[in-house]
Amino acid sequence: MRRASASVSTVLAFGLLLTACGGGGGEGERPVAQKCDGSLSPTAVGALETVLGTKEFQWGGTGLERTAKVLIDDQATPGRAPGVPSMCEAGTAADDRLGISVDFRLHDGDDLFDDGTKWTAQGRHLYGMGREASTDNESAYLFVGCVSPQLKGSDKQPTPIEGVLKFKKPAQGAYPPNTPATREAYLTVLHSVTLAVVKKLGCEDDAGLPGKPVFTEKEWRGEQ
């Protein structure tokens, strides 16, 4: 299985919306917009704050420019090993072990979940967005296909890109409840970050992503 990676972890942009959201970093810190390139919509910022229960975060990551470059390089050089720094991460100011990350990488067709397995029994739900979108209360996945002059050969075969959001918790902590509210919050954040990445790559038609996240659930093939 080829997973030439551009690990892009996130939980993004809060500083871009300091006035609207009423938060901010510590004294002397750069605005989060500069750190994370404004990759979260106001709605996604609100989703992040709700899931983590705070407006105060610790931020890190390498940004959209580095993420796009690595995906382009990975597409041009098959079989490259993973290990790229995260695009952006956020942990709570009180405990950076609690947070959310989003990674991006190239993927193989067999990485998709909808393979006939009854994932709902395992708590994972399927949504009608991109090539495939799914989430439970631990992680969310969004798969898209990108056609861009920056991605070698994508005019013949769309480049498959996978975005993964993971909830990070302390060893003694717990995941949020597996409810529609939690799943939709994850999808809101992941959609916003993925949309920023495909725009940076110049993907045709934003790689098929709508301007807003889709929360319409679908049946898995194994349940039809």
C-alpha atoms as a PDB file:
ATOM      1  CA  MET A   1       0.000   0.000   0.000  1.00  0.00           C
ATOM      2  CA  ARG A   2       1.464   3.339  -1.038  1.00  0.00           C
ATOM      3  CA  ARG A   3       1.166   6.064   1.535  1.00  0.00           C
ATOM      4  CA  ALA A   4       3.554   8.757   0.381  1.00  0.00           C
ATOM      5  CA  SER A   5       2.849  11.129   3.162  1.00  0.00           C
ATOM      6  CA  ALA A   6       2.440  14.718   3.791  1.00  0.00           C
ATOM      7  CA  SER A   7       1.352  14.473   7.361  1.00  0.00           C
ATOM      8  CA  VAL A   8      -0.545  17.612   8.020  1.00  0.00           C
ATOM      9  CA  SER A   9      -1.810  17.875  11.482  1.00  0.00           C
ATOM     10  CA  THR A  10      -4.212  20.591  12.446  1.00  0.00           C
ATOM     11  CA  VAL A  11      -6.483  22.283  14.450  1.00  0.00           C
ATOM     12  CA  LEU A  12      -6.166  25.594  13.055  1.00  0.00           C
ATOM     13  CA  ALA A  13      -6.735  29.206  12.815  1.00  0.00           C
ATOM     14  CA  PHE A  14      -7.933  30.959  15.899  1.00  0.00           C
ATOM     15  CA  GLY A  15      -5.805  34.098  15.672  1.00  0.00           C
ATOM     16  CA  LEU A  16      -7.337  34.980  12.310  1.00  0.00           C
ATOM     17  CA  LEU A  17     -10.620  35.360  14.161  1.00  0.00           C
ATOM     18  CA  LEU A  18      -9.412  36.949  17.387  1.00  0.00           C
ATOM     19  CA  THR A  19     -11.937  39.737  17.279  1.00  0.00           C
ATOM     20  CA  ALA A  20     -14.854  37.500  16.383  1.00  0.00           C
ATOM     21  CA  CYS A  21     -13.973  34.728  18.797  1.00  0.00           C
ATOM     22  CA  GLY A  22     -12.545  36.753  21.656  1.00  0.00           C
ATOM     23  CA  GLY A  23      -9.429  34.637  22.156  1.00  0.00           C
ATOM     24  CA  GLY A  24      -5.714  34.925  21.533  1.00  0.00           C
ATOM     25  CA  GLY A  25      -2.269  33.536  22.054  1.00  0.00           C
ATOM     26  CA  GLY A  26       0.250  34.442  24.685  1.00  0.00           C
ATOM     27  CA  GLU A  27       2.127  37.699  24.756  1.00  0.00           C
ATOM     28  CA  GLY A  28       4.527  38.074  21.849  1.00  0.00           C
ATOM     29  CA  GLU A  29       3.094  35.139  19.871  1.00  0.00           C
ATOM     30  CA  ARG A  30       2.407  35.489  16.156  1.00  0.00           C
ATOM     31  CA  PRO A  31      -1.296  35.533  15.220  1.00  0.00           C
ATOM     32  CA  VAL A  32      -2.612  32.058  14.494  1.00  0.00           C
ATOM     33  CA  ALA A  33      -3.541  33.230  11.000  1.00  0.00           C
ATOM     34  CA  GLN A  34       0.195  33.435  10.276  1.00  0.00           C
ATOM     35  CA  LYS A  35       0.900  30.075  11.877  1.00  0.00           C
ATOM     36  CA  CYS A  36      -1.959  28.151  10.283  1.00  0.00           C
ATOM     37  CA  ASP A  37      -2.762  30.226   7.233  1.00  0.00           C
ATOM     38  CA  GLY A  38      -6.366  30.859   8.222  1.00  0.00           C
ATOM     39  CA  SER A  39      -7.448  27.340   7.339  1.00  0.00           C
ATOM     40  CA  LEU A  40     -10.443  27.243   9.664  1.00  0.00           C
ATOM     41  CA  SER A  41     -13.709  28.941   8.843  1.00  0.00           C
ATOM     42  CA  PRO A  42     -15.471  30.765  11.703  1.00  0.00           C
ATOM     43  CA  THR A  43     -17.834  27.788  11.967  1.00  0.00           C
ATOM     44  CA  ALA A  44     -14.900  25.376  12.182  1.00  0.00           C
ATOM     45  CA  VAL A  45     -13.272  27.480  14.889  1.00  0.00           C
ATOM     46  CA  GLY A  46     -16.495  27.284  16.866  1.00  0.00           C
ATOM     47  CA  ALA A  47     -16.595  23.502  16.363  1.00  0.00           C
ATOM     48  CA  LEU A  48     -13.037  23.205  17.633  1.00  0.00           C
ATOM     49  CA  GLU A  49     -13.766  25.289  20.705  1.00  0.00           C
ATOM     50  CA  THR A  50     -16.860  23.218  21.466  1.00  0.00           C
ATOM     51  CA  VAL A  51     -15.131  19.844  21.140  1.00  0.00           C
ATOM     52  CA  LEU A  52     -12.130  20.888  23.247  1.00  0.00           C
ATOM     53  CA  GLY A  53     -14.103  23.042  25.669  1.00  0.00           C
ATOM     54  CA  THR A  54     -11.773  26.040  25.456  1.00  0.00           C
ATOM     55  CA  LYS A  55     -10.827  29.132  23.473  1.00  0.00           C
ATOM     56  CA  GLU A  56      -7.182  29.021  24.567  1.00  0.00           C
ATOM     57  CA  PHE A  57      -4.849  26.809  22.516  1.00  0.00           C
ATOM     58  CA  GLN A  58      -1.211  25.943  21.986  1.00  0.00           C
ATOM     59  CA  TRP A  59      -0.406  25.948  18.270  1.00  0.00           C
ATOM     60  CA  GLY A  60       2.217  24.374  16.066  1.00  0.00           C
ATOM     61  CA  GLY A  61       2.845  23.162  12.531  1.00  0.00           C
ATOM     62  CA  THR A  62       4.421  24.080   9.217  1.00  0.00           C
ATOM     63  CA  GLY A  63       1.540  25.625   7.223  1.00  0.00           C
ATOM     64  CA  LEU A  64      -0.141  25.256   3.842  1.00  0.00           C
ATOM     65  CA  GLU A  65       2.896  26.070   1.700  1.00  0.00           C
ATOM     66  CA  ARG A  66       4.908  23.168   3.104  1.00  0.00           C
ATOM     67  CA  THR A  67       1.923  20.821   2.991  1.00  0.00           C
ATOM     68  CA  ALA A  68       1.205  21.530  -0.668  1.00  0.00           C
ATOM     69  CA  LYS A  69       4.878  21.155  -1.608  1.00  0.00           C
ATOM     70  CA  VAL A  70       5.182  17.770   0.069  1.00  0.00           C
ATOM     71  CA  LEU A  71       2.020  16.433  -1.582  1.00  0.00           C
ATOM     72  CA  ILE A  72       3.332  17.621  -4.956  1.00  0.00           C
ATOM     73  CA  ASP A  73       6.745  16.050  -4.317  1.00  0.00           C
ATOM     74  CA  ASP A  74       5.170  12.799  -3.121  1.00  0.00           C
ATOM     75  CA  GLN A  75       3.064  12.589  -6.273  1.00  0.00           C
ATOM     76  CA  ALA A  76       6.139  13.088  -8.460  1.00  0.00           C
ATOM     77  CA  THR A  77       8.249  10.542  -6.537  1.00  0.00           C
ATOM     78  CA  PRO A  78       6.383   7.243  -5.939  1.00  0.00           C
ATOM     79  CA  GLY A  79       7.210   5.330  -2.798  1.00  0.00           C
ATOM     80  CA  ARG A  80       8.609   8.157  -0.713  1.00  0.00           C
ATOM     81  CA  ALA A  81       8.597   7.350   2.992  1.00  0.00           C
ATOM     82  CA  PRO A  82       6.388   9.220   5.475  1.00  0.00           C
ATOM     83  CA  GLY A  83       7.713  11.508   8.164  1.00  0.00           C
ATOM     84  CA  VAL A  84       6.793  15.038   7.131  1.00  0.00           C
ATOM     85  CA  PRO A  85       6.156  17.551   9.934  1.00  0.00           C
ATOM     86  CA  SER A  86       2.527  18.410  10.661  1.00  0.00           C
ATOM     87  CA  MET A  87       0.909  21.330   8.907  1.00  0.00           C
ATOM     88  CA  CYS A  88      -0.802  22.534  12.071  1.00  0.00           C
ATOM     89  CA  GLU A  89      -1.765  21.230  15.510  1.00  0.00           C
ATOM     90  CA  ALA A  90      -3.585  22.582  18.512  1.00  0.00           C
ATOM     91  CA  GLY A  91      -3.651  21.469  22.109  1.00  0.00           C
ATOM     92  CA  THR A  92      -5.484  23.142  24.937  1.00  0.00           C
ATOM     93  CA  ALA A  93      -3.511  25.752  26.821  1.00  0.00           C
ATOM     94  CA  ALA A  94      -4.135  23.846  30.047  1.00  0.00           C
ATOM     95  CA  ASP A  95      -2.900  20.484  28.689  1.00  0.00           C
ATOM     96  CA  ASP A  96      -1.359  20.118  25.217  1.00  0.00           C
ATOM     97  CA  ARG A  97      -1.970  16.355  25.374  1.00  0.00           C
ATOM     98  CA  LEU A  98      -5.625  17.183  24.702  1.00  0.00           C
ATOM     99  CA  GLY A  99      -6.269  18.441  21.203  1.00  0.00           C
ATOM    100  CA  ILE A 100      -6.974  17.642  17.579  1.00  0.00           C
ATOM    101  CA  SER A 101      -4.659  16.923  14.675  1.00  0.00           C
ATOM    102  CA  VAL A 102      -5.296  16.618  10.935  1.00  0.00           C
ATOM    103  CA  ASP A 103      -2.872  14.838   8.609  1.00  0.00           C
ATOM    104  CA  PHE A 104      -2.819  14.763   4.805  1.00  0.00           C
ATOM    105  CA  ARG A 105      -1.236  12.154   2.583  1.00  0.00           C
ATOM    106  CA  LEU A 106      -1.576  10.475  -0.775  1.00  0.00           C
ATOM    107  CA  HIS A 107      -3.444   7.184  -0.563  1.00  0.00           C
ATOM    108  CA  ASP A 108      -4.260   4.025  -2.499  1.00  0.00           C
ATOM    109  CA  GLY A 109      -7.748   3.184  -3.673  1.00  0.00           C
ATOM    110  CA  ASP A 110      -8.008   0.342  -1.156  1.00  0.00           C
ATOM    111  CA  ASP A 111      -7.605   2.794   1.735  1.00  0.00           C
ATOM    112  CA  LEU A 112     -11.302   3.722   1.469  1.00  0.00           C
ATOM    113  CA  PHE A 113     -13.529   2.415   4.251  1.00  0.00           C
ATOM    114  CA  ASP A 114     -16.618   1.639   2.171  1.00  0.00           C
ATOM    115  CA  ASP A 115     -15.523  -1.869   1.208  1.00  0.00           C
ATOM    116  CA  GLY A 116     -18.529  -3.878   2.332  1.00  0.00           C
ATOM    117  CA  THR A 117     -17.707  -3.791   6.041  1.00  0.00           C
ATOM    118  CA  LYS A 118     -20.588  -2.868   8.379  1.00  0.00           C
ATOM    119  CA  TRP A 119     -18.752   0.025   9.986  1.00  0.00           C
ATOM    120  CA  THR A 120     -21.836   1.420  11.730  1.00  0.00           C
ATOM    121  CA  ALA A 121     -21.663  -1.511  14.145  1.00  0.00           C
ATOM    122  CA  GLN A 122     -18.207  -0.212  15.104  1.00  0.00           C
ATOM    123  CA  GLY A 123     -19.492   3.329  15.618  1.00  0.00           C
ATOM    124  CA  ARG A 124     -18.272   4.804  12.299  1.00  0.00           C
ATOM    125  CA  HIS A 125     -20.704   6.765  10.117  1.00  0.00           C
ATOM    126  CA  LEU A 126     -20.511   7.490   6.368  1.00  0.00           C
ATOM    127  CA  TYR A 127     -21.318  10.898   4.847  1.00  0.00           C
ATOM    128  CA  GLY A 128     -21.895  12.157   1.312  1.00  0.00           C
ATOM    129  CA  MET A 129     -18.891  14.424   0.873  1.00  0.00           C
ATOM    130  CA  GLY A 130     -15.817  14.151  -1.381  1.00  0.00           C
ATOM    131  CA  ARG A 131     -14.966  10.669  -2.618  1.00  0.00           C
ATOM    132  CA  GLU A 132     -15.726   9.403   0.872  1.00  0.00           C
ATOM    133  CA  ALA A 133     -16.148  10.916   4.327  1.00  0.00           C
ATOM    134  CA  SER A 134     -16.590   9.062   7.597  1.00  0.00           C
ATOM    135  CA  THR A 135     -16.226   9.673  11.311  1.00  0.00           C
ATOM    136  CA  ASP A 136     -16.727   8.304  14.792  1.00  0.00           C
ATOM    137  CA  ASN A 137     -15.769  10.013  18.066  1.00  0.00           C
ATOM    138  CA  GLU A 138     -12.032   9.229  17.737  1.00  0.00           C
ATOM    139  CA  SER A 139     -11.226  10.191  14.150  1.00  0.00           C
ATOM    140  CA  ALA A 140     -12.644  11.482  10.876  1.00  0.00           C
ATOM    141  CA  TYR A 141     -11.517  10.723   7.317  1.00  0.00           C
ATOM    142  CA  LEU A 142     -12.104  12.676   4.109  1.00  0.00           C
ATOM    143  CA  PHE A 143     -10.924  11.378   0.717  1.00  0.00           C
ATOM    144  CA  VAL A 144     -10.809  13.572  -2.389  1.00  0.00           C
ATOM    145  CA  GLY A 145      -9.438  13.343  -5.927  1.00  0.00           C
ATOM    146  CA  CYS A 146      -7.446  16.349  -7.179  1.00  0.00           C
ATOM    147  CA  VAL A 147      -6.780  17.361 -10.783  1.00  0.00           C
ATOM    148  CA  SER A 148      -4.186  20.132 -10.838  1.00  0.00           C
ATOM    149  CA  PRO A 149      -1.337  21.283 -13.102  1.00  0.00           C
ATOM    150  CA  GLN A 150       0.846  21.060  -9.994  1.00  0.00           C
ATOM    151  CA  LEU A 151       0.254  17.304  -9.608  1.00  0.00           C
ATOM    152  CA  LYS A 152       1.980  15.167 -12.210  1.00  0.00           C
ATOM    153  CA  GLY A 153      -0.380  12.949 -14.206  1.00  0.00           C
ATOM    154  CA  SER A 154      -3.503  14.092 -12.371  1.00  0.00           C
ATOM    155  CA  ASP A 155      -5.074  15.154 -15.683  1.00  0.00           C
ATOM    156  CA  LYS A 156      -5.221  11.456 -16.580  1.00  0.00           C
ATOM    157  CA  GLN A 157      -5.978  10.114 -13.098  1.00  0.00           C
ATOM    158  CA  PRO A 158      -7.037  12.418 -10.224  1.00  0.00           C
ATOM    159  CA  THR A 159      -4.506  12.389  -7.408  1.00  0.00           C
ATOM    160  CA  PRO A 160      -6.091  10.694  -4.362  1.00  0.00           C
ATOM    161  CA  ILE A 161      -5.623  12.747  -1.189  1.00  0.00           C
ATOM    162  CA  GLU A 162      -6.654  11.634   2.293  1.00  0.00           C
ATOM    163  CA  GLY A 163      -7.301  13.964   5.210  1.00  0.00           C
ATOM    164  CA  VAL A 164      -7.403  12.451   8.702  1.00  0.00           C
ATOM    165  CA  LEU A 165      -8.567  14.221  11.849  1.00  0.00           C
ATOM    166  CA  LYS A 166      -7.691  12.599  15.159  1.00  0.00           C
ATOM    167  CA  PHE A 167      -8.791  13.525  18.635  1.00  0.00           C
ATOM    168  CA  LYS A 168      -5.838  13.467  21.033  1.00  0.00           C
ATOM    169  CA  LYS A 169      -6.530  12.766  24.685  1.00  0.00           C
ATOM    170  CA  PRO A 170      -4.435  12.249  27.821  1.00  0.00           C
ATOM    171  CA  ALA A 171      -3.883   8.599  28.807  1.00  0.00           C
ATOM    172  CA  GLN A 172      -6.481   8.872  31.564  1.00  0.00           C
ATOM    173  CA  GLY A 173      -8.849  11.002  29.514  1.00  0.00           C
ATOM    174  CA  ALA A 174     -11.896  10.056  27.463  1.00  0.00           C
ATOM    175  CA  TYR A 175     -13.086  10.672  23.906  1.00  0.00           C
ATOM    176  CA  PRO A 176     -16.132  12.878  23.382  1.00  0.00           C
ATOM    177  CA  PRO A 177     -19.439  10.986  23.115  1.00  0.00           C
ATOM    178  CA  ASN A 178     -20.131   9.444  19.705  1.00  0.00           C
ATOM    179  CA  THR A 179     -23.054  11.717  18.895  1.00  0.00           C
ATOM    180  CA  PRO A 180     -24.126  13.578  15.740  1.00  0.00           C
ATOM    181  CA  ALA A 181     -22.841  16.797  17.349  1.00  0.00           C
ATOM    182  CA  THR A 182     -19.348  15.350  17.866  1.00  0.00           C
ATOM    183  CA  ARG A 183     -19.182  13.793  14.411  1.00  0.00           C
ATOM    184  CA  GLU A 184     -20.393  16.962  12.714  1.00  0.00           C
ATOM    185  CA  ALA A 185     -17.858  19.058  14.638  1.00  0.00           C
ATOM    186  CA  TYR A 186     -15.045  16.782  13.433  1.00  0.00           C
ATOM    187  CA  LEU A 187     -16.305  16.949   9.837  1.00  0.00           C
ATOM    188  CA  THR A 188     -16.585  20.733  10.041  1.00  0.00           C
ATOM    189  CA  VAL A 189     -12.941  21.098  11.048  1.00  0.00           C
ATOM    190  CA  LEU A 190     -11.679  18.476   8.592  1.00  0.00           C
ATOM    191  CA  HIS A 191     -13.690  19.899   5.683  1.00  0.00           C
ATOM    192  CA  SER A 192     -12.393  23.414   6.341  1.00  0.00           C
ATOM    193  CA  VAL A 193      -8.751  22.356   6.463  1.00  0.00           C
ATOM    194  CA  THR A 194      -9.075  20.064   3.435  1.00  0.00           C
ATOM    195  CA  LEU A 195     -10.734  22.819   1.430  1.00  0.00           C
ATOM    196  CA  ALA A 196      -7.805  25.120   2.208  1.00  0.00           C
ATOM    197  CA  VAL A 197      -5.332  22.435   1.059  1.00  0.00           C
ATOM    198  CA  VAL A 198      -7.090  21.695  -2.254  1.00  0.00           C
ATOM    199  CA  LYS A 199      -7.353  25.401  -2.985  1.00  0.00           C
ATOM    200  CA  LYS A 200      -3.632  25.779  -2.319  1.00  0.00           C
ATOM    201  CA  LEU A 201      -2.949  22.897  -4.712  1.00  0.00           C
ATOM    202  CA  GLY A 202      -5.174  24.493  -7.358  1.00  0.00           C
ATOM    203  CA  CYS A 203      -7.434  21.438  -7.587  1.00  0.00           C
ATOM    204  CA  GLU A 204     -10.053  21.652 -10.293  1.00  0.00           C
ATOM    205  CA  ASP A 205     -13.506  22.382  -8.843  1.00  0.00           C
ATOM    206  CA  ASP A 206     -11.919  22.321  -5.340  1.00  0.00           C
ATOM    207  CA  ALA A 207     -11.528  18.539  -5.742  1.00  0.00           C
ATOM    208  CA  GLY A 208     -15.316  18.218  -5.671  1.00  0.00           C
ATOM    209  CA  LEU A 209     -15.682  19.655  -2.175  1.00  0.00           C
ATOM    210  CA  PRO A 210     -18.685  21.892  -1.497  1.00  0.00           C
ATOM    211  CA  GLY A 211     -18.262  25.247   0.163  1.00  0.00           C
ATOM    212  CA  LYS A 212     -19.840  23.911   3.359  1.00  0.00           C
ATOM    213  CA  PRO A 213     -19.542  20.480   5.020  1.00  0.00           C
ATOM    214  CA  VAL A 214     -22.198  17.867   4.252  1.00  0.00           C
ATOM    215  CA  PHE A 215     -23.830  16.073   7.173  1.00  0.00           C
ATOM    216  CA  THR A 216     -26.126  13.777   5.182  1.00  0.00           C
ATOM    217  CA  GLU A 217     -25.456  10.204   6.293  1.00  0.00           C
ATOM    218  CA  LYS A 218     -25.249   7.306   3.831  1.00  0.00           C
ATOM    219  CA  GLU A 219     -25.483   3.560   4.233  1.00  0.00           C
ATOM    220  CA  TRP A 220     -22.309   1.500   4.016  1.00  0.00           C
ATOM    221  CA  ARG A 221     -22.303  -0.984   1.147  1.00  0.00           C
ATOM    222  CA  GLY A 222     -22.355  -3.822   3.671  1.00  0.00           C
ATOM    223  CA  GLU A 223     -25.669  -2.541   5.039  1.00  0.00           C
ATOM    224  CA  GLN A 224     -27.535  -1.933   1.781  1.00  0.00           C
END
